[in-house]
Protein backbone atom coordinates (compact mmCIF):
# COMPACT_ATOMS: atom_id res chain seq x y z
CA MET A 1 -31.80 -13.93 6.70
CA THR A 2 -29.35 -16.08 4.73
CA ARG A 3 -30.69 -17.17 1.38
CA LYS A 4 -29.42 -20.18 -0.53
CA ILE A 5 -28.67 -19.09 -4.10
CA ALA A 6 -28.80 -21.28 -7.20
CA VAL A 7 -27.29 -20.22 -10.51
CA LEU A 8 -29.08 -22.06 -13.30
CA GLY A 9 -26.93 -22.09 -16.40
CA ALA A 10 -23.41 -21.50 -15.14
CA GLY A 11 -21.89 -20.15 -18.34
CA LYS A 12 -19.51 -17.18 -18.35
CA ILE A 13 -21.80 -14.73 -16.55
CA GLY A 14 -23.18 -17.42 -14.24
CA GLU A 15 -19.70 -18.56 -13.27
CA ALA A 16 -18.59 -14.95 -12.75
CA LEU A 17 -21.45 -14.54 -10.28
CA LEU A 18 -20.49 -17.70 -8.43
CA GLY A 19 -16.92 -16.49 -8.05
CA GLY A 20 -17.96 -12.99 -7.03
CA ILE A 21 -20.43 -14.20 -4.40
CA LEU A 22 -17.79 -16.49 -2.88
CA ARG A 23 -15.18 -13.71 -2.86
CA GLY A 24 -17.76 -11.56 -1.07
CA GLY A 25 -17.63 -13.94 1.88
CA ARG A 26 -20.53 -16.33 1.40
CA PRO A 27 -19.71 -19.96 2.13
CA ALA A 28 -19.86 -22.49 -0.69
CA SER A 29 -22.66 -24.25 1.19
CA ASP A 30 -24.93 -21.28 0.37
CA LEU A 31 -24.53 -21.82 -3.37
CA LEU A 32 -25.84 -24.29 -5.94
CA ALA A 33 -25.33 -24.42 -9.68
CA THR A 34 -26.74 -26.36 -12.59
CA ALA A 35 -24.93 -27.43 -15.74
CA ARG A 36 -25.97 -29.42 -18.79
CA ARG A 37 -22.74 -31.33 -19.31
CA PRO A 38 -21.26 -33.66 -16.67
CA GLU A 39 -17.72 -32.41 -17.32
CA ARG A 40 -18.86 -28.83 -16.77
CA ALA A 41 -20.55 -29.82 -13.52
CA GLU A 42 -17.40 -31.54 -12.31
CA ALA A 43 -15.27 -28.49 -13.20
CA LEU A 44 -17.56 -26.21 -11.16
CA ARG A 45 -17.44 -28.57 -8.17
CA ALA A 46 -13.67 -28.74 -8.30
CA ARG A 47 -13.15 -25.01 -8.82
CA TYR A 48 -15.61 -23.63 -6.27
CA GLY A 49 -16.47 -26.47 -3.91
CA ILE A 50 -20.20 -26.02 -4.55
CA ALA A 51 -22.96 -28.53 -5.16
CA VAL A 52 -24.02 -28.90 -8.80
CA VAL A 53 -27.55 -30.29 -9.06
CA GLY A 54 -30.43 -30.65 -11.49
CA ASN A 55 -32.82 -27.80 -12.23
CA ALA A 56 -35.70 -29.37 -10.30
CA GLU A 57 -33.59 -29.86 -7.18
CA ALA A 58 -32.32 -26.28 -7.41
CA ALA A 59 -35.91 -25.00 -7.57
CA LYS A 60 -36.89 -27.06 -4.53
CA THR A 61 -33.81 -26.21 -2.45
CA ALA A 62 -32.69 -22.64 -3.16
CA ASP A 63 -34.44 -19.48 -1.98
CA THR A 64 -33.09 -17.44 -4.90
CA LEU A 65 -32.95 -18.74 -8.47
CA ILE A 66 -30.72 -16.87 -10.93
CA LEU A 67 -31.69 -17.83 -14.48
CA ALA A 68 -28.53 -17.31 -16.54
CA VAL A 69 -29.44 -19.41 -19.59
CA LYS A 70 -29.65 -18.20 -23.17
CA PRO A 71 -32.91 -16.39 -24.00
CA GLN A 72 -33.98 -19.11 -26.43
CA ASP A 73 -33.70 -21.68 -23.61
CA MET A 74 -35.73 -19.71 -21.07
CA ALA A 75 -39.20 -21.05 -21.89
CA SER A 76 -38.13 -24.68 -21.58
CA LEU A 77 -36.26 -23.97 -18.33
CA LEU A 78 -39.30 -22.26 -16.80
CA ALA A 79 -41.50 -25.19 -17.81
CA GLU A 80 -39.08 -27.49 -15.98
CA LEU A 81 -38.98 -25.29 -12.88
CA ALA A 82 -42.69 -24.49 -12.58
CA PRO A 83 -43.81 -27.74 -10.86
CA HIS A 84 -41.06 -27.43 -8.25
CA ALA A 85 -40.69 -23.69 -7.51
CA PRO A 86 -43.13 -22.34 -4.91
CA ALA A 87 -44.27 -18.72 -5.10
CA ASP A 88 -41.93 -17.61 -2.30
CA ARG A 89 -38.83 -18.10 -4.46
CA LEU A 90 -37.09 -14.99 -5.71
CA VAL A 91 -36.41 -15.49 -9.42
CA ILE A 92 -33.77 -13.32 -11.08
CA SER A 93 -33.64 -13.41 -14.88
CA ALA A 94 -30.30 -12.45 -16.43
CA ALA A 95 -31.29 -13.27 -20.02
CA ALA A 96 -31.40 -10.39 -22.50
CA GLY A 97 -34.83 -9.54 -23.88
CA ILE A 98 -36.75 -11.72 -21.40
CA THR A 99 -39.35 -9.63 -19.58
CA THR A 100 -40.51 -10.14 -16.03
CA THR A 101 -44.02 -10.78 -17.38
CA PHE A 102 -42.70 -13.63 -19.51
CA VAL A 103 -41.22 -15.26 -16.40
CA GLU A 104 -44.17 -14.49 -14.11
CA GLU A 105 -46.70 -16.04 -16.50
CA ARG A 106 -44.84 -19.36 -16.41
CA LEU A 107 -44.36 -19.69 -12.65
CA ALA A 108 -46.60 -19.83 -9.61
CA PRO A 109 -48.87 -16.77 -9.23
CA GLY A 110 -47.29 -14.09 -7.09
CA THR A 111 -43.69 -15.19 -7.66
CA PRO A 112 -41.32 -12.21 -7.23
CA VAL A 113 -39.24 -11.73 -10.37
CA VAL A 114 -36.35 -9.33 -10.91
CA ARG A 115 -34.86 -8.68 -14.35
CA VAL A 116 -31.14 -7.96 -14.59
CA MET A 117 -29.04 -6.96 -17.59
CA PRO A 118 -25.37 -7.62 -16.72
CA ASN A 119 -22.44 -7.17 -19.08
CA THR A 120 -19.27 -9.14 -19.71
CA PRO A 121 -16.85 -7.01 -17.62
CA ALA A 122 -18.48 -8.90 -14.73
CA LEU A 123 -15.85 -11.51 -15.63
CA VAL A 124 -13.21 -9.17 -14.16
CA ASP A 125 -15.41 -7.76 -11.37
CA GLU A 126 -16.02 -4.53 -13.30
CA GLY A 127 -19.48 -5.25 -14.64
CA MET A 128 -22.52 -2.99 -14.75
CA SER A 129 -25.88 -4.58 -14.04
CA VAL A 130 -29.25 -2.91 -14.61
CA ILE A 131 -31.95 -4.13 -12.23
CA SER A 132 -35.73 -3.88 -12.70
CA ALA A 133 -38.56 -5.13 -10.51
CA GLY A 134 -41.40 -7.29 -11.74
CA ALA A 135 -45.00 -6.98 -10.54
CA HIS A 136 -44.46 -8.87 -7.27
CA ALA A 137 -40.86 -7.94 -6.39
CA GLY A 138 -40.42 -5.69 -3.36
CA GLU A 139 -37.62 -3.63 -1.87
CA GLU A 140 -36.04 -6.60 -0.09
CA ASP A 141 -35.93 -8.53 -3.36
CA LEU A 142 -34.26 -5.64 -5.18
CA ARG A 143 -31.69 -5.20 -2.41
CA HIS A 144 -30.87 -8.91 -2.54
CA ALA A 145 -30.41 -8.74 -6.33
CA GLU A 146 -28.14 -5.72 -5.90
CA GLU A 147 -26.08 -7.55 -3.29
CA ILE A 148 -25.53 -10.44 -5.69
CA PHE A 149 -24.63 -8.40 -8.77
CA THR A 150 -22.47 -5.81 -6.99
CA SER A 151 -20.19 -8.74 -6.14
CA VAL A 152 -18.98 -8.47 -9.75
CA GLY A 153 -19.15 -4.71 -10.30
CA LYS A 154 -21.81 -2.04 -9.98
CA ALA A 155 -25.60 -2.11 -10.24
CA ILE A 156 -28.28 0.49 -10.85
CA ARG A 157 -32.05 0.30 -10.78
CA LEU A 158 -34.18 1.37 -13.72
CA PRO A 159 -37.83 0.85 -14.63
CA GLU A 160 -38.24 -2.16 -16.87
CA SER A 161 -39.48 0.13 -19.63
CA GLN A 162 -35.89 1.42 -19.89
CA GLN A 163 -34.21 -1.99 -20.04
CA ASP A 164 -34.02 -1.98 -23.85
CA ALA A 165 -32.13 1.33 -23.81
CA ALA A 166 -29.85 0.03 -21.03
CA THR A 167 -29.16 -3.11 -23.06
CA ALA A 168 -28.12 -0.96 -26.03
CA LEU A 169 -25.80 1.18 -23.90
CA SER A 170 -24.46 -1.19 -21.26
CA GLY A 171 -25.22 -4.78 -22.22
CA SER A 172 -23.80 -4.33 -25.71
CA GLY A 173 -21.54 -1.44 -24.74
CA PRO A 174 -18.26 -3.34 -24.26
CA ALA A 175 -18.44 -4.55 -27.87
CA TYR A 176 -18.42 -0.97 -29.14
CA PHE A 177 -15.22 -0.26 -27.22
CA TYR A 178 -13.57 -3.41 -28.52
CA PHE A 179 -14.58 -2.38 -32.04
CA LEU A 180 -13.09 1.09 -31.51
CA VAL A 181 -9.84 -0.32 -30.09
CA GLU A 182 -9.60 -2.72 -33.03
CA ALA A 183 -9.94 0.19 -35.46
CA MET A 184 -7.35 2.28 -33.59
CA VAL A 185 -4.86 -0.61 -33.54
CA ASP A 186 -5.30 -0.96 -37.30
CA ALA A 187 -4.65 2.78 -37.62
CA GLY A 188 -1.48 2.38 -35.58
CA ILE A 189 -0.28 -0.32 -37.99
CA LEU A 190 -1.11 1.96 -40.92
CA LEU A 191 1.04 4.63 -39.28
CA GLY A 192 3.98 2.23 -39.06
CA LEU A 193 3.76 0.80 -35.54
CA PRO A 194 4.08 -2.93 -34.79
CA ARG A 195 0.72 -4.49 -33.90
CA ASP A 196 1.70 -5.40 -30.34
CA LYS A 197 2.99 -1.88 -29.61
CA ALA A 198 -0.10 -0.26 -31.12
CA HIS A 199 -2.28 -2.59 -29.03
CA ASP A 200 -0.46 -1.73 -25.80
CA LEU A 201 -0.63 2.01 -26.49
CA ILE A 202 -4.36 2.00 -27.24
CA VAL A 203 -5.39 -0.36 -24.44
CA GLN A 204 -3.54 1.67 -21.81
CA ALA A 205 -4.97 4.91 -23.21
CA ALA A 206 -8.47 3.41 -23.03
CA TYR A 207 -7.91 2.12 -19.50
CA GLY A 208 -6.53 5.41 -18.23
CA ALA A 209 -9.25 7.45 -19.91
CA SER A 210 -11.94 5.20 -18.41
CA LEU A 211 -10.51 5.65 -14.91
CA MET A 212 -10.43 9.42 -15.39
CA LEU A 213 -14.04 9.44 -16.55
CA ARG A 214 -15.11 7.34 -13.56
CA ASP A 215 -13.04 8.92 -10.82
CA SER A 216 -12.61 12.59 -11.76
CA GLY A 217 -16.28 13.54 -11.84
CA GLU A 218 -15.56 15.67 -14.90
CA HIS A 219 -17.84 15.82 -17.94
CA PRO A 220 -16.33 13.98 -20.94
CA VAL A 221 -16.32 17.23 -22.90
CA THR A 222 -14.12 18.83 -20.24
CA LEU A 223 -11.68 15.92 -20.31
CA ARG A 224 -11.58 15.93 -24.10
CA GLU A 225 -10.95 19.66 -24.25
CA ALA A 226 -8.03 19.26 -21.84
CA VAL A 227 -6.31 17.13 -24.50
CA THR A 228 -7.34 19.32 -27.43
CA SER A 229 -4.84 22.13 -28.02
CA PRO A 230 -5.62 24.89 -30.56
CA GLY A 231 -4.30 23.91 -33.96
CA GLY A 232 -2.91 20.64 -32.59
CA THR A 233 -3.02 16.96 -33.48
CA THR A 234 -6.13 16.09 -31.46
CA ILE A 235 -8.41 18.71 -33.02
CA SER A 236 -7.23 17.61 -36.47
CA ALA A 237 -8.29 14.04 -35.67
CA ILE A 238 -11.62 15.12 -34.16
CA ARG A 239 -12.40 17.19 -37.24
CA GLU A 240 -12.02 14.04 -39.35
CA LEU A 241 -14.23 12.03 -36.98
CA GLU A 242 -16.94 14.67 -37.23
CA LYS A 243 -16.51 14.90 -41.00
CA HIS A 244 -17.14 11.15 -41.28
CA GLY A 245 -20.21 11.26 -39.06
CA VAL A 246 -18.86 9.11 -36.23
CA ARG A 247 -21.12 10.74 -33.63
CA ALA A 248 -24.20 10.25 -35.80
CA ALA A 249 -23.16 6.65 -36.50
CA PHE A 250 -23.03 5.92 -32.77
CA LEU A 251 -26.48 7.43 -32.26
CA ALA A 252 -27.89 5.29 -35.07
CA ALA A 253 -26.09 2.18 -33.82
CA LEU A 254 -27.47 2.46 -30.29
CA GLU A 255 -30.98 3.08 -31.63
CA ALA A 256 -30.63 -0.10 -33.70
CA ALA A 257 -29.48 -2.07 -30.64
CA ARG A 258 -32.42 -0.75 -28.62
CA ASP A 259 -34.86 -1.65 -31.37
CA ARG A 260 -33.42 -5.17 -31.60
CA SER A 261 -33.80 -5.58 -27.84
CA ARG A 262 -37.45 -4.62 -28.20
CA GLU A 263 -37.90 -7.20 -30.95
CA LEU A 264 -36.39 -9.91 -28.74
CA ALA A 265 -38.61 -8.91 -25.83
CA SER A 266 -41.68 -9.23 -28.04
CA GLY A 267 -40.71 -12.66 -29.32
CA GLY A 268 -38.44 -11.83 -32.26
CA ASN A 269 -36.10 -14.53 -33.50
CA GLY A 270 -32.35 -14.50 -33.27
CA THR A 271 -29.57 -14.24 -30.74
CA PRO A 272 -29.45 -11.16 -28.48
CA ARG A 273 -26.55 -8.73 -28.34
């Protein structure tokens, strides 16, 4: 069965999904989007050839509603959708910290809700999305969510109780790598390299190492040891990293990210990630 899909809140992740779904072979007539600003709506129409409508019309028309708004805007969006979205709509929430219960309580009883935590590499079709079922979502709903989000990368299923940990690792994960690359580029400058050359060296090293981790099937320890010669440069650097507690700092950082995700899920203030 073909489902009409509406992306409500076509920001960066929402637009990435639109592009990925179209590249996967769906016709533009299967897609709707919503946008707050008229110029944004016009840009989406021109770029993708899709209809851009209001939230109420999307709820009435589409079979699948992807809620890609900011977490602080979710309650008001659900209040707007509730009078128009029957219980047979599949609702996919892609907002960090928003639980399926939060969504279910604000829509028609029995509405199937799926929670998804994507990350920003979806913008280059290399995202990772973590998918969890709500109380009324079945296997078909989960498969449909996977089909949508694998158009921009990979997807795995986890129980919703593990979403906060997944947010710390995957949702926020790209930022840790950017932070590490930034530090390594600065180190390259300290060692006398021009910034652009240091950047190119580190980015290519990171890209190649990531591909090896993904495609070789080897444990990261095995790959690291293959670069680490006795008495060589690499082991000297690793000794300094261990001396400065880098491993422990990462453990503490990811625990802090998980705890913040829990706060957001329970109604804490602030901006996620």
